[in-house]
């Protein structure tokens, strides 16, 4: 499943760490990768539920 989720990713874990640090959240790259996995999964789920028949 992880390979399928990695198809179209524009934000790397390093970039996520940088963005979160700017907003006062300290996180390492491993945790950032987990957060990104969840966010991409939820985004795909929402699109499928709301825009596909």
C-alpha atoms as a PDB file:
ATOM      1  CA  UNK A   1       0.000   0.000   0.000  1.00  0.00           C
ATOM      2  CA  UNK A   2       2.869   2.364   0.747  1.00  0.00           C
ATOM      3  CA  UNK A   3       4.146   2.113  -2.860  1.00  0.00           C
ATOM      4  CA  UNK A   4       0.715   3.006  -4.185  1.00  0.00           C
ATOM      5  CA  UNK A   5       0.497   6.048  -1.917  1.00  0.00           C
ATOM      6  CA  UNK A   6       3.896   7.325  -3.051  1.00  0.00           C
ATOM      7  CA  UNK A   7       2.729   7.781  -6.656  1.00  0.00           C
ATOM      8  CA  UNK A   8       2.185  11.560  -6.569  1.00  0.00           C
ATOM      9  CA  UNK A   9       3.811  13.316  -3.666  1.00  0.00           C
ATOM     10  CA  UNK A  10       4.896  16.918  -3.887  1.00  0.00           C
ATOM     11  CA  UNK A  11       5.935  17.418  -0.272  1.00  0.00           C
ATOM     12  CA  UNK A  12       8.921  15.536   1.119  1.00  0.00           C
ATOM     13  CA  UNK A  13       9.282  14.725   4.827  1.00  0.00           C
ATOM     14  CA  UNK A  14      12.163  17.223   4.998  1.00  0.00           C
ATOM     15  CA  UNK A  15       9.927  19.964   3.582  1.00  0.00           C
ATOM     16  CA  UNK A  16       7.170  19.017   6.030  1.00  0.00           C
ATOM     17  CA  UNK A  17       9.638  19.317   8.930  1.00  0.00           C
ATOM     18  CA  UNK A  18      10.628  22.767   7.672  1.00  0.00           C
ATOM     19  CA  UNK A  19       7.001  23.920   7.345  1.00  0.00           C
ATOM     20  CA  UNK A  20       6.080  22.599  10.779  1.00  0.00           C
ATOM     21  CA  UNK A  21       9.158  24.163  12.381  1.00  0.00           C
ATOM     22  CA  UNK A  22       8.115  27.561  10.962  1.00  0.00           C
ATOM     23  CA  UNK A  23       4.780  27.068  12.745  1.00  0.00           C
ATOM     24  CA  UNK A  24       6.327  26.136  16.080  1.00  0.00           C
ATOM     25  CA  UNK A  25       5.993  22.338  15.840  1.00  0.00           C
ATOM     26  CA  UNK A  26       9.120  20.243  16.411  1.00  0.00           C
ATOM     27  CA  UNK A  27       9.005  16.899  14.582  1.00  0.00           C
ATOM     28  CA  UNK A  28      11.585  14.547  13.099  1.00  0.00           C
ATOM     29  CA  UNK A  29      11.564  13.296   9.500  1.00  0.00           C
ATOM     30  CA  UNK A  30      10.281   9.833  10.404  1.00  0.00           C
ATOM     31  CA  UNK A  31       7.252  11.287  12.189  1.00  0.00           C
ATOM     32  CA  UNK A  32       6.748  13.791   9.359  1.00  0.00           C
ATOM     33  CA  UNK A  33       6.646  10.913   6.862  1.00  0.00           C
ATOM     34  CA  UNK A  34       3.953   9.226   8.968  1.00  0.00           C
ATOM     35  CA  UNK A  35       1.939  12.450   9.122  1.00  0.00           C
ATOM     36  CA  UNK A  36       2.242  12.885   5.353  1.00  0.00           C
ATOM     37  CA  UNK A  37       1.105   9.288   4.782  1.00  0.00           C
ATOM     38  CA  UNK A  38      -1.992   9.970   6.863  1.00  0.00           C
ATOM     39  CA  UNK A  39      -2.700  13.302   5.172  1.00  0.00           C
ATOM     40  CA  UNK A  40      -2.383  11.881   1.659  1.00  0.00           C
ATOM     41  CA  UNK A  41      -4.574   8.913   2.619  1.00  0.00           C
ATOM     42  CA  UNK A  42      -7.275  11.171   4.084  1.00  0.00           C
ATOM     43  CA  UNK A  43      -7.161  13.516   1.088  1.00  0.00           C
ATOM     44  CA  UNK A  44      -7.622  10.610  -1.306  1.00  0.00           C
ATOM     45  CA  UNK A  45     -10.440   9.190   0.814  1.00  0.00           C
ATOM     46  CA  UNK A  46     -12.268  12.522   0.904  1.00  0.00           C
ATOM     47  CA  UNK A  47     -11.974  12.996  -2.847  1.00  0.00           C
ATOM     48  CA  UNK A  48     -13.229   9.472  -3.509  1.00  0.00           C
ATOM     49  CA  UNK A  49     -16.190   9.851  -1.154  1.00  0.00           C
ATOM     50  CA  UNK A  50     -17.275  13.280  -2.348  1.00  0.00           C
ATOM     51  CA  UNK A  51     -16.453  13.484  -6.034  1.00  0.00           C
ATOM     52  CA  UNK A  52     -16.685   9.960  -7.430  1.00  0.00           C
ATOM     53  CA  UNK A  53     -19.978   8.283  -8.129  1.00  0.00           C
END
